Amino acid sequence: MIAYPTDPERCAKREAQALVIADLVEQHIADGYEVVVMGDFNDYDGDVLDENTSRPTSNVLSIVKGNMLTNVAYKVPQQYRGTNWWDKNGDCEATGNEFVMIDHVLVTAGLLDRIESVGIYQGYTEYCGKMNSDHYPVLVNIRLD
């Protein structure tokens, strides 16, 4: 999703993107498929709060999830739900209140009982000028037998 969900024009575009994704999900479910939707949504999930209890600034997650998808991050303890570092105070050092969850993995109900583990890899240090991403990957093991 495009960034800056608090900008009204961009928010409208993001929610339009979400409607397209929700329609595709609905079509695939109607065709009998299980679905995984994942990526950088640039917003928070009001149902599965991150470690700082961040609240959504748009309706993107609720539109995409509808009543069809579940955010697998509910399986991660809240204090570890951080997928992005945002240096709020500009000191180039990562502190606890600067980690938010804007990257999500959403699955249909038929995949929920097949999930063996969910985690968020936070194995690298965040600071200004680094070469790695400011996002941490969400890792999901799904049994497909």
C-alpha atoms as a PDB file:
ATOM      1  CA  MET A   1       0.000   0.000   0.000  1.00  0.00           C
ATOM      2  CA  ILE A   2       1.153   3.509  -0.641  1.00  0.00           C
ATOM      3  CA  ALA A   3       2.477   5.311   2.413  1.00  0.00           C
ATOM      4  CA  TYR A   4       1.166   8.246   4.464  1.00  0.00           C
ATOM      5  CA  PRO A   5      -2.311   7.012   5.378  1.00  0.00           C
ATOM      6  CA  THR A   6      -3.049  10.243   7.274  1.00  0.00           C
ATOM      7  CA  ASP A   7      -2.973  12.277   4.049  1.00  0.00           C
ATOM      8  CA  PRO A   8      -6.650  12.392   2.920  1.00  0.00           C
ATOM      9  CA  GLU A   9      -5.903  12.002  -0.808  1.00  0.00           C
ATOM     10  CA  ARG A  10      -3.485   9.128  -0.247  1.00  0.00           C
ATOM     11  CA  CYS A  11      -5.867   7.530   2.259  1.00  0.00           C
ATOM     12  CA  ALA A  12      -8.617   7.476  -0.380  1.00  0.00           C
ATOM     13  CA  LYS A  13      -6.224   5.820  -2.867  1.00  0.00           C
ATOM     14  CA  ARG A  14      -5.125   3.276  -0.249  1.00  0.00           C
ATOM     15  CA  GLU A  15      -8.710   2.375   0.592  1.00  0.00           C
ATOM     16  CA  ALA A  16      -9.456   2.000  -3.136  1.00  0.00           C
ATOM     17  CA  GLN A  17      -6.492  -0.397  -3.377  1.00  0.00           C
ATOM     18  CA  ALA A  18      -7.902  -2.290  -0.397  1.00  0.00           C
ATOM     19  CA  LEU A  19     -11.295  -2.655  -2.104  1.00  0.00           C
ATOM     20  CA  VAL A  20      -9.635  -4.192  -5.159  1.00  0.00           C
ATOM     21  CA  ILE A  21      -7.703  -6.649  -2.980  1.00  0.00           C
ATOM     22  CA  ALA A  22     -10.830  -7.554  -0.986  1.00  0.00           C
ATOM     23  CA  ASP A  23     -12.706  -8.235  -4.225  1.00  0.00           C
ATOM     24  CA  LEU A  24      -9.913 -10.526  -5.462  1.00  0.00           C
ATOM     25  CA  VAL A  25      -9.868 -12.373  -2.133  1.00  0.00           C
ATOM     26  CA  GLU A  26     -13.641 -12.839  -2.268  1.00  0.00           C
ATOM     27  CA  GLN A  27     -13.432 -14.183  -5.834  1.00  0.00           C
ATOM     28  CA  HIS A  28     -10.713 -16.694  -4.938  1.00  0.00           C
ATOM     29  CA  ILE A  29     -12.600 -17.881  -1.864  1.00  0.00           C
ATOM     30  CA  ALA A  30     -15.744 -18.303  -3.989  1.00  0.00           C
ATOM     31  CA  ASP A  31     -13.660 -20.456  -6.355  1.00  0.00           C
ATOM     32  CA  GLY A  32     -12.718 -22.702  -3.429  1.00  0.00           C
ATOM     33  CA  TYR A  33      -9.212 -21.466  -2.707  1.00  0.00           C
ATOM     34  CA  GLU A  34      -7.526 -20.637   0.574  1.00  0.00           C
ATOM     35  CA  VAL A  35      -5.867 -17.220   0.434  1.00  0.00           C
ATOM     36  CA  VAL A  36      -2.821 -15.515   1.944  1.00  0.00           C
ATOM     37  CA  VAL A  37      -2.453 -11.735   1.636  1.00  0.00           C
ATOM     38  CA  MET A  38       0.792 -10.269   2.924  1.00  0.00           C
ATOM     39  CA  GLY A  39       2.849  -7.161   2.717  1.00  0.00           C
ATOM     40  CA  ASP A  40       3.530  -3.661   3.943  1.00  0.00           C
ATOM     41  CA  PHE A  41       0.105  -2.166   4.584  1.00  0.00           C
ATOM     42  CA  ASN A  42       1.573   1.041   6.041  1.00  0.00           C
ATOM     43  CA  ASP A  43      -1.049   0.968   8.766  1.00  0.00           C
ATOM     44  CA  TYR A  44      -1.974  -0.764  11.977  1.00  0.00           C
ATOM     45  CA  ASP A  45      -4.515  -3.496  12.629  1.00  0.00           C
ATOM     46  CA  GLY A  46      -7.166  -2.436  15.135  1.00  0.00           C
ATOM     47  CA  ASP A  47      -7.928  -6.089  15.946  1.00  0.00           C
ATOM     48  CA  VAL A  48      -4.335  -7.247  16.517  1.00  0.00           C
ATOM     49  CA  LEU A  49      -2.520  -4.434  18.294  1.00  0.00           C
ATOM     50  CA  ASP A  50       1.229  -3.986  18.066  1.00  0.00           C
ATOM     51  CA  GLU A  51       3.609  -3.620  21.004  1.00  0.00           C
ATOM     52  CA  ASN A  52       2.713   0.083  21.342  1.00  0.00           C
ATOM     53  CA  THR A  53      -1.058  -0.457  20.982  1.00  0.00           C
ATOM     54  CA  SER A  54      -1.050   1.652  17.791  1.00  0.00           C
ATOM     55  CA  ARG A  55      -4.463   2.327  16.271  1.00  0.00           C
ATOM     56  CA  PRO A  56      -5.244   2.348  12.529  1.00  0.00           C
ATOM     57  CA  THR A  57      -5.257   5.657  10.702  1.00  0.00           C
ATOM     58  CA  SER A  58      -7.279   4.295   7.765  1.00  0.00           C
ATOM     59  CA  ASN A  59      -9.768   1.509   7.026  1.00  0.00           C
ATOM     60  CA  VAL A  60      -7.343  -0.451   4.840  1.00  0.00           C
ATOM     61  CA  LEU A  61      -6.884  -3.493   7.095  1.00  0.00           C
ATOM     62  CA  SER A  62     -10.562  -3.766   7.959  1.00  0.00           C
ATOM     63  CA  ILE A  63     -11.493  -3.515   4.259  1.00  0.00           C
ATOM     64  CA  VAL A  64      -8.996  -6.161   3.141  1.00  0.00           C
ATOM     65  CA  LYS A  65      -9.788  -8.534   6.017  1.00  0.00           C
ATOM     66  CA  GLY A  66     -13.557  -8.101   5.905  1.00  0.00           C
ATOM     67  CA  ASN A  67     -14.973 -11.224   7.508  1.00  0.00           C
ATOM     68  CA  MET A  68     -12.757 -13.420   5.310  1.00  0.00           C
ATOM     69  CA  LEU A  69      -9.192 -13.006   6.605  1.00  0.00           C
ATOM     70  CA  THR A  70      -7.400 -13.160   9.954  1.00  0.00           C
ATOM     71  CA  ASN A  71      -4.130 -11.479  10.860  1.00  0.00           C
ATOM     72  CA  VAL A  72      -1.805 -14.274  12.028  1.00  0.00           C
ATOM     73  CA  ALA A  73       0.105 -11.859  14.300  1.00  0.00           C
ATOM     74  CA  TYR A  74      -2.439 -12.617  17.025  1.00  0.00           C
ATOM     75  CA  LYS A  75      -0.283 -15.709  17.622  1.00  0.00           C
ATOM     76  CA  VAL A  76       2.711 -13.496  18.522  1.00  0.00           C
ATOM     77  CA  PRO A  77       2.786 -12.058  22.061  1.00  0.00           C
ATOM     78  CA  GLN A  78       1.918  -8.355  21.857  1.00  0.00           C
ATOM     79  CA  GLN A  79       5.272  -7.209  23.252  1.00  0.00           C
ATOM     80  CA  TYR A  80       6.991  -8.736  20.178  1.00  0.00           C
ATOM     81  CA  ARG A  81       4.649  -7.318  17.523  1.00  0.00           C
ATOM     82  CA  GLY A  82       6.969  -4.859  15.843  1.00  0.00           C
ATOM     83  CA  THR A  83       7.655  -5.066  12.099  1.00  0.00           C
ATOM     84  CA  ASN A  84       8.939  -1.560  11.416  1.00  0.00           C
ATOM     85  CA  TRP A  85      11.254   0.963  13.053  1.00  0.00           C
ATOM     86  CA  TRP A  86      10.181   4.587  12.890  1.00  0.00           C
ATOM     87  CA  ASP A  87      12.702   6.917  14.536  1.00  0.00           C
ATOM     88  CA  LYS A  88      10.063   9.204  16.075  1.00  0.00           C
ATOM     89  CA  ASN A  89      12.483  11.304  18.098  1.00  0.00           C
ATOM     90  CA  GLY A  90      15.144  11.549  15.372  1.00  0.00           C
ATOM     91  CA  ASP A  91      18.041  10.399  17.578  1.00  0.00           C
ATOM     92  CA  CYS A  92      19.066   7.547  15.222  1.00  0.00           C
ATOM     93  CA  GLU A  93      18.764   5.020  18.045  1.00  0.00           C
ATOM     94  CA  ALA A  94      16.037   2.408  18.266  1.00  0.00           C
ATOM     95  CA  THR A  95      13.996   2.581  21.457  1.00  0.00           C
ATOM     96  CA  GLY A  96      11.075   0.381  22.494  1.00  0.00           C
ATOM     97  CA  ASN A  97       8.318   2.809  21.615  1.00  0.00           C
ATOM     98  CA  GLU A  98       9.575   3.189  18.041  1.00  0.00           C
ATOM     99  CA  PHE A  99       8.586  -0.265  16.806  1.00  0.00           C
ATOM    100  CA  VAL A 100       5.202  -0.632  15.139  1.00  0.00           C
ATOM    101  CA  MET A 101       3.436  -3.361  13.173  1.00  0.00           C
ATOM    102  CA  ILE A 102       2.548  -2.192   9.670  1.00  0.00           C
ATOM    103  CA  ASP A 103       3.488  -5.396   7.838  1.00  0.00           C
ATOM    104  CA  HIS A 104       0.856  -8.102   7.985  1.00  0.00           C
ATOM    105  CA  VAL A 105       0.098 -11.673   6.910  1.00  0.00           C
ATOM    106  CA  LEU A 106      -3.621 -12.368   6.536  1.00  0.00           C
ATOM    107  CA  VAL A 107      -5.066 -15.833   5.924  1.00  0.00           C
ATOM    108  CA  THR A 108      -8.428 -17.488   5.336  1.00  0.00           C
ATOM    109  CA  ALA A 109     -10.025 -19.647   8.029  1.00  0.00           C
ATOM    110  CA  GLY A 110      -9.001 -22.924   6.368  1.00  0.00           C
ATOM    111  CA  LEU A 111      -5.331 -22.075   6.892  1.00  0.00           C
ATOM    112  CA  LEU A 112      -5.555 -21.011  10.531  1.00  0.00           C
ATOM    113  CA  ASP A 113      -5.489 -24.555  11.931  1.00  0.00           C
ATOM    114  CA  ARG A 114      -2.552 -25.386   9.645  1.00  0.00           C
ATOM    115  CA  ILE A 115      -0.306 -22.679  11.068  1.00  0.00           C
ATOM    116  CA  GLU A 116       2.525 -24.275  13.014  1.00  0.00           C
ATOM    117  CA  SER A 117       4.317 -21.098  14.072  1.00  0.00           C
ATOM    118  CA  VAL A 118       4.340 -17.334  13.638  1.00  0.00           C
ATOM    119  CA  GLY A 119       7.170 -14.994  14.534  1.00  0.00           C
ATOM    120  CA  ILE A 120       8.690 -11.666  13.651  1.00  0.00           C
ATOM    121  CA  TYR A 121      12.434 -11.736  12.968  1.00  0.00           C
ATOM    122  CA  GLN A 122      14.044  -8.838  14.812  1.00  0.00           C
ATOM    123  CA  GLY A 123      17.635 -10.041  14.645  1.00  0.00           C
ATOM    124  CA  TYR A 124      19.311  -6.883  13.395  1.00  0.00           C
ATOM    125  CA  THR A 125      19.875  -3.540  15.056  1.00  0.00           C
ATOM    126  CA  GLU A 126      18.167  -0.406  13.773  1.00  0.00           C
ATOM    127  CA  TYR A 127      20.017   2.907  13.408  1.00  0.00           C
ATOM    128  CA  CYS A 128      20.339   5.713  10.864  1.00  0.00           C
ATOM    129  CA  GLY A 129      22.521   4.991   7.839  1.00  0.00           C
ATOM    130  CA  LYS A 130      22.198   1.213   8.024  1.00  0.00           C
ATOM    131  CA  MET A 131      22.068  -0.908   4.900  1.00  0.00           C
ATOM    132  CA  ASN A 132      19.290  -3.307   5.927  1.00  0.00           C
ATOM    133  CA  SER A 133      15.580  -2.592   5.743  1.00  0.00           C
ATOM    134  CA  ASP A 134      13.708  -0.760   8.486  1.00  0.00           C
ATOM    135  CA  HIS A 135      11.142  -3.572   8.292  1.00  0.00           C
ATOM    136  CA  TYR A 136      11.274  -6.916  10.068  1.00  0.00           C
ATOM    137  CA  PRO A 137       9.834  -9.955   8.279  1.00  0.00           C
ATOM    138  CA  VAL A 138       6.817 -11.836   9.570  1.00  0.00           C
ATOM    139  CA  LEU A 139       7.612 -15.565   9.465  1.00  0.00           C
ATOM    140  CA  VAL A 140       4.734 -18.029   9.148  1.00  0.00           C
ATOM    141  CA  ASN A 141       5.047 -21.822   8.914  1.00  0.00           C
ATOM    142  CA  ILE A 142       1.954 -23.385   7.351  1.00  0.00           C
ATOM    143  CA  ARG A 143       1.514 -27.165   7.125  1.00  0.00           C
ATOM    144  CA  LEU A 144       0.280 -27.969   3.616  1.00  0.00           C
ATOM    145  CA  ASP A 145      -0.164 -31.779   3.791  1.00  0.00           C
END
